[in-house]
Protein backbone atom coordinates (compact mmCIF):
# COMPACT_ATOMS: atom_id res chain seq x y z
CA MET A 1 72.38 46.73 65.36
CA GLU A 2 70.14 45.59 67.90
CA ILE A 3 71.55 42.43 69.74
CA SER A 4 68.60 41.41 71.81
CA VAL A 5 64.55 41.07 71.60
CA LYS A 6 62.29 42.10 74.42
CA GLN A 7 62.26 40.08 77.48
CA ARG A 8 60.77 39.91 81.09
CA ALA A 9 62.36 41.48 83.96
CA HIS A 10 65.13 39.16 85.27
CA THR A 11 64.56 36.95 88.19
CA ASN A 12 67.67 34.57 88.39
CA PRO A 13 69.60 34.80 91.82
CA ASP A 14 72.83 33.40 90.06
CA TYR A 15 72.44 36.19 87.32
CA PRO A 16 72.00 39.05 89.65
CA ALA A 17 73.00 42.20 87.27
CA SER A 18 69.42 44.22 85.77
CA ASN A 19 69.11 44.69 82.43
CA ALA A 20 70.48 47.89 83.09
CA GLN A 21 73.42 46.78 84.68
CA VAL A 22 74.09 44.46 81.81
CA ARG A 23 73.40 46.95 78.91
CA GLU A 24 76.17 49.36 80.59
CA VAL A 25 78.39 46.35 80.40
CA ILE A 26 77.90 45.93 76.59
CA GLU A 27 78.53 49.48 76.26
CA ARG A 28 81.84 49.23 77.89
CA LEU A 29 82.73 46.24 76.22
CA ARG A 30 82.20 47.82 72.60
CA ALA A 31 83.82 51.25 73.80
CA ASN A 32 87.20 49.21 74.90
CA PRO A 33 87.86 46.62 72.31
CA LYS A 34 90.14 43.60 73.70
CA MET A 35 90.68 40.18 71.84
CA PRO A 36 89.39 36.99 73.55
CA VAL A 37 91.87 34.70 74.83
CA ARG A 38 92.62 32.21 72.68
CA PRO A 39 90.64 31.94 68.83
CA VAL A 40 87.10 30.96 69.05
CA VAL A 41 84.74 28.69 66.69
CA ILE A 42 81.10 28.94 66.55
CA LEU A 43 79.43 25.55 65.87
CA THR A 44 76.10 25.62 64.22
CA GLY A 45 72.69 24.28 64.99
CA TYR A 46 70.87 20.89 63.39
CA HIS A 47 70.39 22.23 59.78
CA SER A 48 70.97 25.99 60.67
CA PRO A 49 72.40 27.69 57.98
CA ARG A 50 76.10 29.59 57.82
CA ALA A 51 74.35 32.76 58.65
CA GLN A 52 73.03 31.47 62.54
CA GLY A 53 76.80 31.26 62.95
CA GLU A 54 77.85 34.57 61.55
CA TYR A 55 75.18 36.50 63.07
CA LEU A 56 76.74 35.25 66.66
CA ARG A 57 80.05 35.84 64.97
CA ARG A 58 79.50 39.93 64.25
CA MET A 59 77.96 40.39 67.70
CA LEU A 60 81.15 39.32 69.54
CA LEU A 61 83.41 40.92 67.18
CA ARG A 62 81.36 43.80 68.83
CA LEU A 63 81.94 42.78 71.85
CA THR A 64 85.25 41.91 72.21
CA SER A 65 87.38 42.88 69.07
CA PRO A 66 86.97 43.83 65.45
CA GLY A 67 89.71 41.83 64.50
CA ALA A 68 89.19 38.71 66.67
CA PRO A 69 89.88 35.44 65.33
CA ILE A 70 86.16 34.48 65.42
CA THR A 71 84.75 31.82 62.96
CA THR A 72 82.11 29.58 62.13
CA ALA A 73 81.68 25.84 61.05
CA ALA A 74 78.39 24.83 59.67
CA TYR A 75 77.32 21.36 58.07
CA MET A 76 73.45 22.36 57.14
CA THR A 77 73.19 19.63 54.61
CA ARG A 78 74.48 16.72 56.81
CA VAL A 79 71.60 14.30 58.87
CA ASP A 80 73.60 12.28 60.54
CA MET A 81 76.19 13.11 63.46
CA PRO A 82 79.30 10.93 61.93
CA SER A 83 79.35 13.21 58.76
CA ILE A 84 78.10 16.21 60.89
CA CYS A 85 81.22 15.46 63.55
CA ARG A 86 83.27 14.86 60.52
CA ASP A 87 82.75 18.35 58.80
CA ALA A 88 82.89 20.11 61.81
CA MET A 89 86.24 19.18 63.07
CA GLU A 90 88.17 19.55 59.26
CA GLN A 91 86.19 22.94 59.55
CA VAL A 92 87.54 23.93 62.77
CA ARG A 93 91.19 22.57 62.30
CA GLY A 94 91.43 24.60 58.51
CA HIS A 95 90.77 27.30 61.00
CA VAL A 96 92.81 27.21 63.65
CA GLY A 97 94.97 23.99 63.27
CA ASP A 98 96.09 22.03 66.09
CA GLY A 99 96.28 25.26 68.38
CA PRO A 100 94.36 25.95 71.40
CA LEU A 101 91.03 27.43 71.09
CA ASP A 102 87.73 27.72 72.75
CA LEU A 103 84.44 26.58 71.00
CA VAL A 104 81.05 27.83 71.18
CA GLY A 105 77.99 25.82 70.07
CA ILE A 106 74.86 26.85 69.39
CA SER A 107 72.25 24.32 70.00
CA MET A 108 73.19 20.83 68.44
CA GLY A 109 76.66 22.50 67.89
CA GLY A 110 77.51 22.70 71.43
CA LEU A 111 77.10 18.55 71.28
CA ILE A 112 79.54 18.52 68.11
CA ALA A 113 81.93 20.80 70.14
CA ARG A 114 82.02 18.19 72.95
CA VAL A 115 82.14 15.36 70.36
CA ILE A 116 85.20 16.69 68.71
CA SER A 117 86.65 17.79 72.08
CA THR A 118 86.73 14.15 72.85
CA ASP A 119 89.02 10.74 71.68
CA ALA A 120 86.37 8.35 72.16
CA ALA A 121 84.30 6.03 69.71
CA LEU A 122 80.50 6.73 70.13
CA PRO A 123 77.49 5.09 69.13
CA SER A 124 74.90 7.16 67.13
CA THR A 125 71.82 6.58 65.27
CA ALA A 126 73.98 6.27 61.45
CA GLY A 127 76.35 3.70 62.91
CA THR A 128 79.84 4.59 65.04
CA ILE A 129 81.80 7.72 65.26
CA ALA A 130 84.57 6.78 64.88
CA ALA A 131 88.07 7.29 67.83
CA ARG A 132 89.58 10.44 66.92
CA VAL A 133 92.61 13.07 68.08
CA PRO A 134 90.46 15.75 69.47
CA VAL A 135 90.72 19.40 68.85
CA ASN A 136 92.96 21.43 71.12
CA THR A 137 89.68 22.67 73.10
CA ARG A 138 90.18 24.59 76.48
CA ARG A 139 86.64 25.55 76.84
CA ILE A 140 83.37 25.25 75.82
CA PHE A 141 80.23 27.23 75.54
CA THR A 142 77.02 25.95 74.36
CA LEU A 143 73.53 28.18 73.85
CA ALA A 144 70.11 25.89 74.56
CA SER A 145 72.10 22.48 73.58
CA PRO A 146 70.47 19.31 74.17
CA HIS A 147 73.23 18.02 76.29
CA CYS A 148 70.08 15.32 77.95
CA GLY A 149 67.99 15.71 75.16
CA ALA A 150 65.85 17.57 73.11
CA LEU A 151 61.92 18.17 73.98
CA LEU A 152 61.41 18.50 70.16
CA ALA A 153 62.95 15.45 69.31
CA ASP A 154 61.20 13.48 71.38
CA ARG A 155 57.82 14.38 69.46
CA VAL A 156 59.62 14.72 65.83
CA ALA A 157 62.85 13.06 64.53
CA LEU A 158 63.17 13.74 61.08
CA ASP A 159 66.85 11.74 60.14
CA PRO A 160 69.34 9.87 62.16
CA ALA A 161 70.81 13.21 63.91
CA ALA A 162 67.70 14.19 65.34
CA LYS A 163 67.17 10.83 67.14
CA ASP A 164 70.62 10.86 68.84
CA MET A 165 68.87 13.87 70.30
CA GLN A 166 66.04 12.26 72.09
CA ARG A 167 66.43 11.77 75.58
CA GLY A 168 68.13 8.75 77.06
CA SER A 169 69.80 7.90 73.50
CA ALA A 170 72.73 5.90 73.49
CA PHE A 171 74.88 8.69 71.54
CA LEU A 172 74.12 11.23 74.54
CA GLY A 173 74.70 8.32 77.27
CA ALA A 174 77.64 7.34 75.40
CA LEU A 175 79.10 11.39 75.32
CA ASP A 176 78.29 11.42 79.10
CA ALA A 177 80.44 8.71 79.81
CA ALA A 178 83.57 9.78 77.67
CA LEU A 179 83.96 12.80 79.36
CA ARG A 180 83.11 11.59 83.10
CA GLY A 181 86.13 8.95 82.06
CA GLY A 182 88.39 11.95 81.08
CA GLY A 183 88.42 11.19 77.07
CA GLY A 184 90.00 13.52 74.86
CA ASN A 185 91.45 16.71 76.73
CA PRO A 186 90.02 16.39 80.61
CA ALA A 187 90.75 19.92 81.43
CA VAL A 188 87.89 21.20 79.03
CA GLU A 189 85.95 23.57 80.80
CA LEU A 190 82.45 23.53 79.90
CA THR A 191 79.52 26.61 80.36
CA CYS A 192 76.22 25.98 79.19
CA TYR A 193 73.75 28.73 78.79
CA SER A 194 70.09 28.36 78.55
CA ARG A 195 66.63 30.69 78.52
CA LEU A 196 63.00 29.43 79.69
CA ARG A 197 60.65 28.99 77.54
CA ASP A 198 62.11 27.20 75.17
CA GLY A 199 59.81 24.45 73.52
CA TRP A 200 62.60 22.87 71.51
CA VAL A 201 65.01 21.97 73.86
CA GLY A 202 63.64 23.23 77.50
CA ALA A 203 65.82 24.90 79.71
CA LYS A 204 66.82 22.38 82.48
CA GLN A 205 67.97 19.76 79.49
CA ALA A 206 70.78 22.35 77.99
CA ALA A 207 73.54 21.48 80.30
CA PRO A 208 75.03 17.63 81.32
CA ALA A 209 73.21 15.90 84.15
CA GLY A 210 74.51 17.20 87.55
CA GLN A 211 75.67 20.74 86.25
CA GLY A 212 74.38 23.90 86.33
CA VAL A 213 73.41 25.98 83.67
CA ILE A 214 73.16 29.91 83.17
CA TRP A 215 69.81 30.74 82.52
CA THR A 216 67.51 33.80 81.20
CA PRO A 217 64.37 34.87 81.24
CA GLY A 218 63.71 33.96 77.50
CA VAL A 219 60.72 35.15 75.40
CA LEU A 220 57.35 34.54 75.15
CA TRP A 221 57.70 32.86 71.63
CA GLY A 222 60.77 32.04 69.71
CA SER A 223 63.23 31.36 73.01
CA HIS A 224 65.13 28.56 71.27
CA LEU A 225 65.86 30.40 67.88
CA SER A 226 66.31 33.60 69.42
CA VAL A 227 69.18 32.57 72.14
CA SER A 228 71.99 33.90 70.04
CA TRP A 229 70.55 37.48 70.55
CA ASP A 230 69.85 36.97 74.36
CA ARG A 231 71.96 40.35 75.54
CA ARG A 232 72.20 38.95 79.01
CA ILE A 233 74.03 35.63 77.56
CA LEU A 234 75.80 37.54 74.87
CA ALA A 235 76.97 40.03 77.69
CA ASP A 236 78.52 36.98 80.12
CA LEU A 237 79.75 34.95 76.98
CA ALA A 238 81.62 38.04 75.84
CA LEU A 239 83.58 38.51 79.25
CA ARG A 240 84.37 35.06 79.44
CA LEU A 241 86.15 35.09 75.90
CA ARG A 242 87.58 38.32 76.63
CA GLY A 243 88.85 36.70 80.17
CA GLU A 244 87.07 39.44 82.40
CA GLU A 245 85.03 38.74 85.54
CA PRO A 246 81.54 37.43 84.44
CA LEU A 247 77.86 38.33 85.05
CA ALA A 248 76.47 35.25 86.05
CA ARG A 249 77.46 31.50 87.47
CA PRO A 250 75.23 28.24 86.56
CA GLY A 251 72.32 27.20 88.44
CA THR A 252 68.99 25.20 88.31
CA PRO A 253 66.33 26.57 86.23
CA PRO A 254 63.04 26.94 87.70
CA ARG A 255 61.13 25.20 84.66
CA ASP A 256 61.76 24.44 81.02
């Protein structure tokens, strides 16, 4: 199974590995299985089927260990942040219990990972997301997540969850304020990935204000939808999950 779509040559000085070097890393990881540092739960995107998370799960199993404790949480039919976050938290606790874990969020899933990792009550279009005992998150990895809002949501917002992903929403502002204030587990580490040519979220929107993002060149069409297939992201993410030296460091995308 191929784990990449064709993409342009890399141009990111903060991700100096060539495509050939990335392929070599992927081959090494496949040949030398190693368990992730802790259990991992993948959170799916906006109205995305469980298959989205399961595809990424299979890719990460190939790059860590076939027996790795990597699971998926999905909430495809939910239309508002309070119910999405409630479902996500129940599924995460069902998979891992109260033990320490790492979260990987695809698109909107990155926001949900941040919500369930803080104890703050948060406003949303559909009402307040109640205060909660946060899950025991140590690290959050987000893939093309609209931390500063989604470009597409500014144009089309079909339900309350989409409205909360508009740039400047009360939900996003409160989430940033909660984490700046140390709500939940202040030690949680946030690593953000994005791709250029992402017309849905935007490469520059994919990390909270003031934080860098690990970006890749993307593809001419479908950069957002295919983010989970990006071998440059998968290689760096797998190294971090395994507790090994990563290939890239956060920087500033030159454009969306």
